[in-house]
Amino acid sequence: MNKTVAFLTLGCKVNLYDTEAMTELFSKRGYEIRDFEQKADIYVINTCTVTNFGDKKSRQMIRRARRKNPLAIIIATGCYAQVADSEVAAIDGINIVLGTANRLNIVDIAENYSPDEPVLNLVSDIKKEKIFEPMSVESMKDRTRAYMKIQDGCNRYCSYCIIPYARGPIRSRPLEDVVAEAKRLADNGFKEIVLTGIHIASYGAENGNFSFIDAIEAVNNVEGIERIRFSSMEPKAITDEFIERVGRCEKVCDHYHLSLQSGCDKTLKEMNRRYSCEEYYEAVCKLRKAFPDVAVTTDVIAGFPGESDEDFAQTLDFLRKVHIDKIHAFPYSPKKGTPAAARKDQVAPEVKAKRTEQLLRLSDMLNEEFLLRFKGKEKAVLFENKSDGYWCGHTTNYIKVMVKTDENINNLLKNTVLTSVYEPEIMLGELKNG
């Protein structure tokens, strides 16, 4: 009978990539990959610690795995396991704690462990990690869009963020490895690649031998890849040189997620964000001048410690001024171990909830205005899945489009006329060829 393993991923796209890489390690050793809700010999929970809710969810999933199979080996990896290894090791049912390093050896670690042994805590000092762990992915099951991790770690230490403590200093994947994996993914039929990392704009900064735009250009030259996206960037990365060079990369999608967090300079300074509102505005203007159909989306934290009504009003005004195309809004969540969590001027939960709701309403309004710009226009859509009789896909500027057709258009690029707004973020369309 085949040995079996099940995975559960919490948190970001980087965690998703890490799970895919670990899944392939087990698969190559003959393991049957099972759904997390099924009984398995080994369970791997890739944890998240961005918020306290992430910690709680991680603990719940570890206990759920133990209930699925009392004899299984339960492994916790990821950010929560890294920053709170002793806490995770004390959870009833855990066997192995790995953290965010040394995942290449996870199969050997699991196979050499006996459930009768004490909890094995293998979490290392992430601050001493200097080399990008060479995990790779050759195929992503049930997806047409492939994520490729090219960078790990962060040196920014924003006052609210635990991630530098969980992921360590910046480490970049060698450029030749980036190209090699892009070629493998193209050979496996993927048309779209999303370059991901913890602080992706810092790619190559630790040695100065290459930069993020070098990685973009290299992937742009890979035959078979038709679209390139990348994860969140900071506004200072949008330089004239970056725009000039990315403008020559015909496969790069015109969608930029520029993290803002606050539209108030006082709050940005207290967050230890290293840009001003004016610098953010200038970056957006540069993008829109260079790429007329570009979508600019962002993250905003509501109710950061010390944020007054006036500070929040400045944020709303700034978002209207920039005319952000979509806002991901989150109430501030104190994270133990960060400077912001220790502040005494925490904003009341009901105030944070109200501000978050205001941000979401503004987002819906701005997003509808953005979508209406494309009503009646023809855009290329990469179709990814079928749901409730509609094929669903995305334009280059990340408008989700739904069309009704009997044709199997999975993983195909099709010219589509966008006919109407269905709901926030989604438009209905008709295939140009009928």
Protein backbone atom coordinates (compact mmCIF):
# COMPACT_ATOMS: atom_id res chain seq x y z
CA MET A 1 0.00 0.00 0.00
CA ASN A 2 1.28 3.50 -0.89
CA LYS A 3 2.44 5.80 1.86
CA THR A 4 0.14 8.84 2.06
CA VAL A 5 0.61 12.51 2.89
CA ALA A 6 -1.80 15.47 3.10
CA PHE A 7 -1.06 19.20 3.09
CA LEU A 8 -2.83 22.31 4.32
CA THR A 9 -1.63 25.80 3.43
CA LEU A 10 -2.48 28.93 5.39
CA GLY A 11 -1.47 32.45 4.41
CA CYS A 12 0.17 33.91 1.34
CA LYS A 13 1.17 32.88 -2.17
CA VAL A 14 4.73 32.24 -0.98
CA ASN A 15 3.40 29.63 1.44
CA LEU A 16 1.35 28.17 -1.41
CA TYR A 17 4.51 27.81 -3.49
CA ASP A 18 6.43 26.24 -0.60
CA THR A 19 3.63 23.69 -0.15
CA GLU A 20 3.67 22.81 -3.85
CA ALA A 21 7.44 22.29 -3.66
CA MET A 22 7.13 20.02 -0.59
CA THR A 23 4.29 18.13 -2.27
CA GLU A 24 6.57 17.33 -5.20
CA LEU A 25 9.32 16.14 -2.83
CA PHE A 26 6.92 13.61 -1.30
CA SER A 27 5.44 12.64 -4.67
CA LYS A 28 8.86 11.86 -6.13
CA ARG A 29 9.47 9.51 -3.22
CA GLY A 30 6.37 7.51 -4.04
CA TYR A 31 3.83 9.09 -1.70
CA GLU A 32 0.17 9.34 -2.61
CA ILE A 33 -1.01 12.93 -2.10
CA ARG A 34 -4.33 13.08 -0.31
CA ASP A 35 -6.80 15.82 0.53
CA PHE A 36 -6.32 17.24 4.01
CA GLU A 37 -9.77 16.04 5.04
CA GLN A 38 -8.81 12.43 4.24
CA LYS A 39 -6.92 10.01 6.45
CA ALA A 40 -3.16 10.11 5.77
CA ASP A 41 0.06 8.76 7.25
CA ILE A 42 1.64 12.24 7.36
CA TYR A 43 0.04 15.68 7.63
CA VAL A 44 1.98 18.85 6.81
CA ILE A 45 0.45 22.13 7.99
CA ASN A 46 2.15 25.16 6.43
CA THR A 47 1.33 27.80 9.02
CA CYS A 48 0.78 31.56 8.90
CA THR A 49 1.47 34.16 11.57
CA VAL A 50 0.63 37.49 9.92
CA THR A 51 -2.27 37.92 12.38
CA ASN A 52 -3.27 36.32 15.67
CA PHE A 53 -6.09 34.68 13.73
CA GLY A 54 -3.45 32.97 11.58
CA ASP A 55 -1.87 31.55 14.72
CA LYS A 56 -5.24 30.31 16.01
CA LYS A 57 -6.15 28.73 12.66
CA SER A 58 -2.78 26.98 12.52
CA ARG A 59 -3.34 25.45 15.96
CA GLN A 60 -6.84 24.33 14.97
CA MET A 61 -5.57 22.59 11.83
CA ILE A 62 -2.86 20.73 13.74
CA ARG A 63 -5.49 19.38 16.14
CA ARG A 64 -7.83 18.54 13.27
CA ALA A 65 -5.10 16.49 11.58
CA ARG A 66 -4.54 14.53 14.78
CA ARG A 67 -8.24 13.70 14.97
CA LYS A 68 -8.14 12.44 11.37
CA ASN A 69 -5.48 9.86 12.24
CA PRO A 70 -4.26 9.38 15.83
CA LEU A 71 -1.25 7.44 14.47
CA ALA A 72 -0.16 9.99 11.84
CA ILE A 73 3.01 12.07 11.89
CA ILE A 74 2.01 15.74 12.15
CA ILE A 75 4.49 18.33 10.85
CA ALA A 76 4.16 22.09 11.32
CA THR A 77 6.18 24.30 9.01
CA GLY A 78 5.90 27.94 7.92
CA CYS A 79 5.91 31.29 9.67
CA TYR A 80 3.98 30.54 12.89
CA ALA A 81 6.16 27.48 13.47
CA GLN A 82 9.23 29.66 12.93
CA VAL A 83 8.46 32.52 15.32
CA ALA A 84 6.72 30.47 18.02
CA ASP A 85 8.42 27.08 17.79
CA SER A 86 8.14 26.27 21.50
CA GLU A 87 4.46 27.22 21.50
CA VAL A 88 3.81 25.05 18.45
CA ALA A 89 5.84 22.16 19.89
CA ALA A 90 3.58 22.23 22.96
CA ILE A 91 0.39 21.72 20.91
CA ASP A 92 -1.17 18.37 21.68
CA GLY A 93 -0.66 16.10 18.68
CA ILE A 94 2.35 17.75 17.02
CA ASN A 95 5.37 15.60 16.12
CA ILE A 96 7.78 17.74 14.11
CA VAL A 97 8.28 21.53 13.98
CA LEU A 98 10.24 22.78 10.96
CA GLY A 99 9.79 26.54 10.51
CA THR A 100 10.73 28.32 7.27
CA ALA A 101 14.07 26.65 6.52
CA ASN A 102 15.38 23.13 5.87
CA ARG A 103 12.22 22.03 4.03
CA LEU A 104 14.27 20.28 1.33
CA ASN A 105 14.89 17.46 3.82
CA ILE A 106 11.27 17.13 4.95
CA VAL A 107 10.74 13.64 3.50
CA ASP A 108 13.85 12.19 5.20
CA ILE A 109 12.92 13.93 8.45
CA ALA A 110 9.43 12.43 8.36
CA GLU A 111 10.64 8.95 7.43
CA ASN A 112 13.33 8.87 10.13
CA TYR A 113 10.91 9.93 12.86
CA SER A 114 8.95 7.51 15.02
CA PRO A 115 5.64 8.68 16.52
CA ASP A 116 6.82 7.22 19.82
CA GLU A 117 9.64 9.77 20.01
CA PRO A 118 9.38 13.19 21.73
CA VAL A 119 8.45 16.22 19.64
CA LEU A 120 11.26 17.04 17.22
CA ASN A 121 11.92 20.78 17.07
CA LEU A 122 14.19 21.54 14.10
CA VAL A 123 13.59 25.30 13.88
CA SER A 124 16.86 27.12 13.21
CA ASP A 125 17.87 30.76 13.66
CA ILE A 126 16.36 32.27 10.53
CA LYS A 127 18.39 35.47 10.97
CA LYS A 128 21.50 33.47 10.04
CA GLU A 129 20.08 32.20 6.74
CA LYS A 130 22.00 33.74 3.84
CA ILE A 131 21.18 31.43 0.92
CA PHE A 132 17.87 30.99 -0.90
CA GLU A 133 16.60 27.47 -0.19
CA PRO A 134 16.53 25.82 -3.65
CA MET A 135 13.01 24.42 -3.60
CA SER A 136 11.35 24.22 -6.99
CA VAL A 137 8.04 23.32 -8.60
CA GLU A 138 7.57 21.56 -11.93
CA SER A 139 3.79 21.40 -12.08
CA MET A 140 0.86 22.88 -10.19
CA LYS A 141 -2.18 20.66 -10.06
CA ASP A 142 -5.52 21.98 -11.30
CA ARG A 143 -4.15 25.43 -12.15
CA THR A 144 -3.45 27.34 -15.34
CA ARG A 145 -1.48 30.05 -13.52
CA ALA A 146 1.85 29.01 -11.96
CA TYR A 147 3.45 30.73 -8.99
CA MET A 148 7.23 30.89 -8.90
CA LYS A 149 9.05 31.97 -5.77
CA ILE A 150 12.20 33.91 -6.60
CA GLN A 151 12.92 35.68 -3.31
CA ASP A 152 12.55 35.15 0.44
CA GLY A 153 12.99 37.29 3.53
CA CYS A 154 12.59 40.99 4.30
CA ASN A 155 14.86 43.64 5.82
CA ARG A 156 12.22 46.38 6.18
CA TYR A 157 10.87 45.78 9.70
CA CYS A 158 7.62 47.70 9.38
CA SER A 159 6.44 48.37 12.92
CA TYR A 160 3.32 46.19 12.62
CA CYS A 161 4.83 43.22 10.76
CA ILE A 162 6.20 39.94 12.12
CA ILE A 163 7.36 38.59 8.75
CA PRO A 164 11.06 39.65 8.96
CA TYR A 165 11.28 37.64 12.17
CA ALA A 166 9.60 34.66 10.49
CA ARG A 167 11.36 34.74 7.13
CA GLY A 168 14.77 36.22 7.96
CA PRO A 169 16.93 38.49 5.79
CA ILE A 170 16.46 38.85 2.04
CA ARG A 171 17.70 35.93 -0.05
CA SER A 172 17.37 35.69 -3.81
CA ARG A 173 17.10 32.71 -6.12
CA PRO A 174 19.94 32.51 -8.67
CA LEU A 175 18.84 33.94 -12.01
CA GLU A 176 19.72 30.76 -13.89
CA ASP A 177 17.43 28.78 -11.55
CA VAL A 178 14.59 31.24 -12.20
CA VAL A 179 14.95 30.73 -15.95
CA ALA A 180 15.22 26.95 -15.61
CA GLU A 181 12.01 26.69 -13.61
CA ALA A 182 10.18 29.05 -16.00
CA LYS A 183 11.17 26.75 -18.87
CA ARG A 184 9.94 23.67 -16.96
CA LEU A 185 6.62 25.36 -16.25
CA ALA A 186 6.26 26.39 -19.90
CA ASP A 187 7.00 22.80 -20.97
CA ASN A 188 4.19 21.69 -18.62
CA GLY A 189 1.70 23.93 -20.42
CA PHE A 190 1.56 26.98 -18.19
CA LYS A 191 0.99 30.20 -20.09
CA GLU A 192 1.06 32.55 -17.09
CA ILE A 193 3.66 32.83 -14.33
CA VAL A 194 3.34 34.90 -11.16
CA LEU A 195 6.72 35.84 -9.68
CA THR A 196 6.39 35.82 -5.90
CA GLY A 197 8.48 36.67 -2.87
CA ILE A 198 8.23 38.17 0.58
CA HIS A 199 9.72 41.50 -0.59
CA ILE A 200 10.04 40.87 -4.29
CA ALA A 201 11.39 44.27 -5.30
CA SER A 202 14.52 43.50 -3.24
CA TYR A 203 15.37 40.56 -5.52
CA GLY A 204 19.15 40.51 -5.96
CA ALA A 205 19.78 43.39 -3.54
CA GLU A 206 21.88 41.32 -1.13
CA ASN A 207 24.68 40.88 -3.65
CA GLY A 208 24.01 43.47 -6.35
CA ASN A 209 24.69 41.00 -9.18
CA PHE A 210 21.15 41.18 -10.53
CA SER A 211 17.84 42.92 -9.87
CA PHE A 212 14.11 42.31 -10.06
CA ILE A 213 13.85 43.76 -13.55
CA ASP A 214 16.63 41.37 -14.64
CA ALA A 215 14.45 38.45 -13.48
CA ILE A 216 11.40 39.85 -15.30
CA GLU A 217 13.36 40.25 -18.54
CA ALA A 218 14.79 36.74 -18.24
CA VAL A 219 11.36 35.13 -17.79
CA ASN A 220 9.96 37.32 -20.59
CA ASN A 221 12.43 35.61 -22.93
CA VAL A 222 11.22 32.08 -22.07
CA GLU A 223 9.36 30.56 -25.02
CA GLY A 224 5.85 29.35 -24.17
CA ILE A 225 5.22 31.80 -21.35
CA GLU A 226 2.65 34.35 -22.53
CA ARG A 227 1.91 36.33 -19.37
CA ILE A 228 3.98 37.47 -16.40
CA ARG A 229 2.58 38.86 -13.19
CA PHE A 230 4.29 39.62 -9.89
CA SER A 231 3.27 40.04 -6.30
CA SER A 232 3.07 43.21 -4.23
CA MET A 233 5.66 45.94 -4.77
CA GLU A 234 6.50 49.15 -3.00
CA PRO A 235 6.16 52.50 -4.81
CA LYS A 236 9.88 53.32 -4.70
CA ALA A 237 10.53 50.33 -6.96
CA ILE A 238 8.64 52.12 -9.78
CA THR A 239 11.58 54.06 -11.19
CA ASP A 240 11.97 55.51 -14.67
CA GLU A 241 14.45 52.74 -15.53
CA PHE A 242 12.07 50.04 -14.26
CA ILE A 243 9.20 51.39 -16.36
CA GLU A 244 11.39 51.75 -19.45
CA ARG A 245 12.69 48.19 -19.22
CA VAL A 246 9.41 46.53 -18.22
CA GLY A 247 7.73 48.41 -21.07
CA ARG A 248 9.87 46.40 -23.48
CA CYS A 249 8.69 43.13 -21.92
CA GLU A 250 5.58 42.39 -23.96
CA LYS A 251 4.47 39.55 -21.67
CA VAL A 252 4.24 41.60 -18.46
CA CYS A 253 0.64 42.23 -17.44
CA ASP A 254 -0.59 45.78 -16.82
CA HIS A 255 -1.60 45.15 -13.21
CA TYR A 256 0.45 46.46 -10.28
CA HIS A 257 -0.29 45.82 -6.63
CA LEU A 258 1.41 48.73 -4.89
CA SER A 259 1.19 48.37 -1.14
CA LEU A 260 0.07 51.62 0.54
CA GLN A 261 -1.16 50.75 4.09
CA SER A 262 -2.07 54.38 4.87
CA GLY A 263 -2.76 57.58 2.96
CA CYS A 264 -1.51 59.70 5.88
CA ASP A 265 2.18 60.61 6.07
CA LYS A 266 2.16 60.66 9.88
CA THR A 267 0.83 57.11 10.01
CA LEU A 268 3.21 55.92 7.29
CA LYS A 269 6.15 57.20 9.32
CA GLU A 270 4.91 55.46 12.46
CA MET A 271 4.46 52.26 10.45
CA ASN A 272 8.10 52.59 9.34
CA ARG A 273 7.01 52.58 5.71
CA ARG A 274 9.82 54.16 3.71
CA TYR A 275 7.89 56.38 1.34
CA SER A 276 5.51 59.33 1.46
CA CYS A 277 2.05 59.74 0.00
CA GLU A 278 3.51 62.02 -2.65
CA GLU A 279 6.04 59.37 -3.70
CA TYR A 280 3.22 56.83 -3.93
CA TYR A 281 1.15 59.20 -6.07
CA GLU A 282 4.08 59.83 -8.39
CA ALA A 283 4.62 56.09 -8.86
CA VAL A 284 0.98 55.58 -9.85
CA CYS A 285 1.11 58.51 -12.26
CA LYS A 286 4.20 57.03 -13.93
CA LEU A 287 2.50 53.67 -14.36
CA ARG A 288 -0.67 55.17 -15.82
CA LYS A 289 1.29 57.34 -18.23
CA ALA A 290 3.30 54.34 -19.46
CA PHE A 291 0.46 51.79 -19.48
CA PRO A 292 -2.93 53.45 -20.16
CA ASP A 293 -5.09 50.42 -19.20
CA VAL A 294 -3.08 49.57 -16.06
CA ALA A 295 -4.89 48.47 -12.91
CA VAL A 296 -3.38 49.68 -9.65
CA THR A 297 -4.54 47.85 -6.53
CA THR A 298 -3.40 48.24 -2.95
CA ASP A 299 -3.58 47.20 0.72
CA VAL A 300 -4.75 49.53 3.48
CA ILE A 301 -4.69 48.93 7.24
CA ALA A 302 -7.59 50.49 9.15
CA GLY A 303 -7.08 51.60 12.73
CA PHE A 304 -3.30 51.49 13.14
CA PRO A 305 -2.37 52.56 16.70
CA GLY A 306 -2.74 56.29 17.10
CA GLU A 307 -4.71 56.75 13.87
CA SER A 308 -7.14 59.60 14.54
CA ASP A 309 -10.36 60.34 12.67
CA GLU A 310 -8.47 63.09 10.85
CA ASP A 311 -5.66 60.70 9.88
CA PHE A 312 -8.18 58.22 8.49
CA ALA A 313 -10.01 60.98 6.61
CA GLN A 314 -6.68 61.85 4.96
CA THR A 315 -6.37 58.21 3.85
CA LEU A 316 -9.84 58.25 2.27
CA ASP A 317 -9.09 61.53 0.51
CA PHE A 318 -5.78 60.19 -0.77
CA LEU A 319 -7.35 57.00 -2.13
CA ARG A 320 -9.91 59.12 -4.02
CA LYS A 321 -7.17 61.38 -5.35
CA VAL A 322 -5.09 58.44 -6.62
CA HIS A 323 -8.28 56.71 -7.77
CA ILE A 324 -7.04 53.29 -6.73
CA ASP A 325 -8.74 50.57 -8.77
CA LYS A 326 -9.26 48.15 -5.88
CA ILE A 327 -8.51 48.33 -2.15
CA HIS A 328 -7.77 45.32 0.05
CA ALA A 329 -8.75 46.67 3.48
CA PHE A 330 -7.86 45.06 6.80
CA PRO A 331 -8.47 46.12 10.41
CA TYR A 332 -5.18 46.47 12.26
CA SER A 333 -4.37 43.29 14.21
CA PRO A 334 -1.78 43.61 17.01
CA LYS A 335 0.97 41.05 16.53
CA LYS A 336 2.97 40.13 19.62
CA GLY A 337 6.66 40.87 19.15
CA THR A 338 6.19 43.92 16.94
CA PRO A 339 6.66 47.55 18.11
CA ALA A 340 3.12 48.56 17.11
CA ALA A 341 1.55 45.88 19.31
CA ALA A 342 3.24 47.38 22.38
CA ARG A 343 1.76 50.83 21.85
CA LYS A 344 -0.76 52.08 24.38
CA ASP A 345 -2.86 54.05 21.87
CA GLN A 346 -4.63 51.09 20.29
CA VAL A 347 -7.78 51.96 18.31
CA ALA A 348 -11.05 50.46 19.56
CA PRO A 349 -12.22 47.34 17.65
CA GLU A 350 -15.55 48.92 16.70
CA VAL A 351 -13.72 51.93 15.21
CA LYS A 352 -11.42 49.66 13.20
CA ALA A 353 -14.43 47.70 11.93
CA LYS A 354 -16.25 50.89 10.88
CA ARG A 355 -13.18 52.23 9.06
CA THR A 356 -12.64 48.91 7.29
CA GLU A 357 -16.24 48.99 6.09
CA GLN A 358 -15.77 52.53 4.77
CA LEU A 359 -12.68 51.43 2.86
CA LEU A 360 -14.50 48.47 1.34
CA ARG A 361 -17.40 50.66 0.21
CA LEU A 362 -14.97 53.10 -1.38
CA SER A 363 -13.21 50.18 -3.05
CA ASP A 364 -16.44 48.92 -4.62
CA MET A 365 -17.22 52.39 -5.94
CA LEU A 366 -13.76 52.95 -7.40
CA ASN A 367 -13.63 49.44 -8.84
CA GLU A 368 -16.96 49.86 -10.63
CA GLU A 369 -15.70 53.08 -12.21
CA PHE A 370 -12.57 51.21 -13.33
CA LEU A 371 -14.57 48.34 -14.85
CA LEU A 372 -16.95 50.66 -16.70
CA ARG A 373 -13.97 52.09 -18.60
CA PHE A 374 -13.72 48.75 -20.41
CA LYS A 375 -17.40 48.16 -21.20
CA GLY A 376 -17.69 47.37 -24.91
CA LYS A 377 -13.94 46.95 -25.35
CA GLU A 378 -12.17 43.87 -26.61
CA LYS A 379 -9.55 42.30 -24.31
CA ALA A 380 -7.56 39.07 -24.37
CA VAL A 381 -8.72 36.76 -21.57
CA LEU A 382 -6.86 33.69 -20.28
CA PHE A 383 -9.59 31.28 -19.19
CA GLU A 384 -8.88 29.24 -16.10
CA ASN A 385 -11.95 27.35 -14.89
CA LYS A 386 -15.68 26.76 -15.33
CA SER A 387 -18.23 27.62 -12.64
CA ASP A 388 -22.05 27.59 -12.74
CA GLY A 389 -22.06 27.30 -16.53
CA TYR A 390 -19.61 30.20 -17.07
CA TRP A 391 -15.99 30.01 -18.14
CA CYS A 392 -13.95 32.39 -15.97
CA GLY A 393 -10.64 34.05 -16.71
CA HIS A 394 -8.69 37.28 -16.40
CA THR A 395 -7.57 40.10 -18.65
CA THR A 396 -3.99 41.33 -18.44
CA ASN A 397 -5.14 44.08 -16.03
CA TYR A 398 -6.77 41.42 -13.84
CA ILE A 399 -10.43 41.98 -14.58
CA LYS A 400 -12.25 38.72 -13.95
CA VAL A 401 -14.41 37.90 -16.97
CA MET A 402 -17.23 35.34 -17.22
CA VAL A 403 -18.52 34.03 -20.55
CA LYS A 404 -21.09 31.40 -21.50
CA THR A 405 -19.92 28.98 -24.16
CA ASP A 406 -20.05 25.26 -24.87
CA GLU A 407 -16.49 25.42 -26.16
CA ASN A 408 -13.73 24.05 -23.90
CA ILE A 409 -11.53 27.12 -23.51
CA ASN A 410 -9.54 26.05 -20.44
CA ASN A 411 -6.02 27.54 -20.45
CA LEU A 412 -6.71 29.35 -23.75
CA LEU A 413 -6.26 33.02 -24.53
CA LYS A 414 -9.41 34.31 -26.26
CA ASN A 415 -10.31 37.78 -27.51
CA THR A 416 -13.42 38.77 -25.57
CA VAL A 417 -15.76 41.76 -25.69
CA LEU A 418 -16.52 42.97 -22.17
CA THR A 419 -20.27 43.62 -22.17
CA SER A 420 -21.32 44.64 -18.64
CA VAL A 421 -20.33 44.84 -14.98
CA TYR A 422 -21.59 41.75 -13.14
CA GLU A 423 -20.43 42.72 -9.63
CA PRO A 424 -17.29 44.30 -8.09
CA GLU A 425 -14.17 42.93 -9.83
CA ILE A 426 -16.19 40.88 -12.38
CA MET A 427 -17.46 41.60 -15.89
CA LEU A 428 -19.55 39.54 -18.30
CA GLY A 429 -18.17 39.03 -21.78
CA GLU A 430 -18.75 37.45 -25.17
CA LEU A 431 -16.12 35.62 -27.15
CA LYS A 432 -15.15 37.61 -30.24
CA ASN A 433 -15.48 34.53 -32.44
CA GLY A 434 -18.99 33.90 -31.09
